């Protein structure tokens, strides 16, 4: 299953190329429906490695990199797969998401 549409990939790659050090507004949210793992992504390298806020559900969300290809291959109980939040929209930059997540010790919607 493809987690990213061509449009989302283009935006993520554009963020990476145009202003790498900018405080980008997140483009996509991915999550595991069987666990507490969540990824809020802002940029993507041409090889499919994305940058963003990563939370594996252990109380230590952090900025880092993740391979979308690996997430697409990840299978949970009963064949569940990583999902994209189709309703995700935000106007807050990644720094605001990161600060809120660090305070809450998990990814939460910033106020």
Protein backbone atom coordinates (compact mmCIF):
# COMPACT_ATOMS: atom_id res chain seq x y z
CA UNK A 1 0.00 0.00 0.00
CA UNK A 2 1.28 3.44 -0.89
CA UNK A 3 1.28 5.77 2.09
CA UNK A 4 2.08 8.90 0.09
CA UNK A 5 0.35 10.25 -2.98
CA UNK A 6 2.44 11.84 -5.73
CA UNK A 7 1.20 15.24 -4.54
CA UNK A 8 2.34 14.60 -0.94
CA UNK A 9 5.72 13.31 -2.14
CA UNK A 10 6.19 16.42 -4.29
CA UNK A 11 5.45 18.73 -1.35
CA UNK A 12 7.77 16.80 0.99
CA UNK A 13 10.60 16.84 -1.57
CA UNK A 14 9.99 20.53 -2.29
CA UNK A 15 10.34 21.34 1.41
CA UNK A 16 13.64 19.45 1.48
CA UNK A 17 15.06 21.14 -1.61
CA UNK A 18 13.83 24.71 -1.27
CA UNK A 19 14.44 25.57 2.36
CA UNK A 20 16.07 22.76 4.26
CA UNK A 21 16.58 24.70 7.49
CA UNK A 22 13.08 26.21 7.53
CA UNK A 23 10.51 25.42 10.21
CA UNK A 24 8.11 23.69 7.83
CA UNK A 25 4.44 23.04 8.42
CA UNK A 26 3.92 19.26 8.54
CA UNK A 27 2.62 17.70 5.35
CA UNK A 28 1.45 14.27 6.46
CA UNK A 29 0.70 12.18 9.55
CA UNK A 30 1.27 8.42 9.56
CA UNK A 31 0.38 6.07 12.40
CA UNK A 32 0.09 2.44 13.47
CA UNK A 33 -3.54 1.50 14.24
CA UNK A 34 -2.34 -1.30 16.55
CA UNK A 35 0.16 0.70 18.62
CA UNK A 36 1.06 4.23 19.64
CA UNK A 37 3.60 4.97 16.87
CA UNK A 38 3.08 8.23 14.98
CA UNK A 39 5.10 10.17 12.42
CA UNK A 40 4.48 13.84 11.54
CA UNK A 41 6.55 14.45 8.38
CA UNK A 42 7.77 17.69 6.81
CA UNK A 43 10.48 16.75 4.29
CA UNK A 44 11.64 13.89 2.08
CA UNK A 45 14.94 13.03 0.43
CA UNK A 46 14.74 11.79 -3.16
CA UNK A 47 15.42 8.25 -1.88
CA UNK A 48 12.21 8.26 0.18
CA UNK A 49 13.72 8.94 3.60
CA UNK A 50 11.56 11.48 5.42
CA UNK A 51 12.29 13.92 8.23
CA UNK A 52 9.87 14.87 10.94
CA UNK A 53 8.62 14.25 14.44
CA UNK A 54 8.75 10.54 15.26
CA UNK A 55 7.04 8.89 18.24
CA UNK A 56 7.30 5.13 18.70
CA UNK A 57 5.03 5.25 21.73
CA UNK A 58 7.72 5.01 24.40
CA UNK A 59 7.31 8.51 25.83
CA UNK A 60 10.22 10.05 23.96
CA UNK A 61 9.07 11.75 20.73
CA UNK A 62 12.01 13.13 18.77
CA UNK A 63 12.98 14.71 15.50
CA UNK A 64 14.47 12.19 13.12
CA UNK A 65 14.37 10.27 9.88
CA UNK A 66 12.22 7.37 8.74
CA UNK A 67 12.03 5.35 5.53
CA UNK A 68 8.55 5.44 4.03
CA UNK A 69 9.38 2.26 2.14
CA UNK A 70 10.06 0.47 5.43
CA UNK A 71 6.82 1.81 6.94
CA UNK A 72 4.89 0.51 3.93
CA UNK A 73 6.31 -2.98 4.61
CA UNK A 74 5.54 -2.93 8.33
CA UNK A 75 2.80 -5.37 9.32
CA UNK A 76 1.09 -5.49 12.71
CA UNK A 77 -1.28 -7.99 14.30
CA UNK A 78 -3.95 -9.47 12.04
CA UNK A 79 -2.21 -7.98 8.98
CA UNK A 80 -2.75 -4.35 10.01
CA UNK A 81 -0.59 -1.81 8.16
CA UNK A 82 0.67 1.70 8.82
CA UNK A 83 -2.01 4.22 7.85
CA UNK A 84 -2.07 7.83 6.68
CA UNK A 85 -4.39 10.18 8.55
CA UNK A 86 -6.58 11.34 5.68
CA UNK A 87 -8.00 14.19 7.77
CA UNK A 88 -4.67 15.62 8.96
CA UNK A 89 -4.38 19.37 8.47
CA UNK A 90 -2.34 21.90 10.41
CA UNK A 91 -1.17 25.48 10.18
CA UNK A 92 1.41 25.12 12.95
CA UNK A 93 5.11 24.59 12.15
CA UNK A 94 7.07 21.52 13.20
CA UNK A 95 8.71 23.36 16.12
CA UNK A 96 5.30 23.90 17.74
CA UNK A 97 4.38 20.23 17.27
CA UNK A 98 7.76 19.20 18.70
CA UNK A 99 7.46 21.38 21.80
CA UNK A 100 3.93 20.12 22.50
CA UNK A 101 5.06 16.51 22.05
CA UNK A 102 8.02 16.91 24.37
CA UNK A 103 5.83 18.40 27.09
CA UNK A 104 3.17 15.67 26.72
CA UNK A 105 5.73 12.88 26.11
CA UNK A 106 3.71 11.88 23.02
CA UNK A 107 2.54 13.53 19.83
CA UNK A 108 -0.48 15.69 20.57
CA UNK A 109 -2.25 18.40 18.61
CA UNK A 110 -0.64 21.68 19.69
CA UNK A 111 -2.83 24.48 21.00
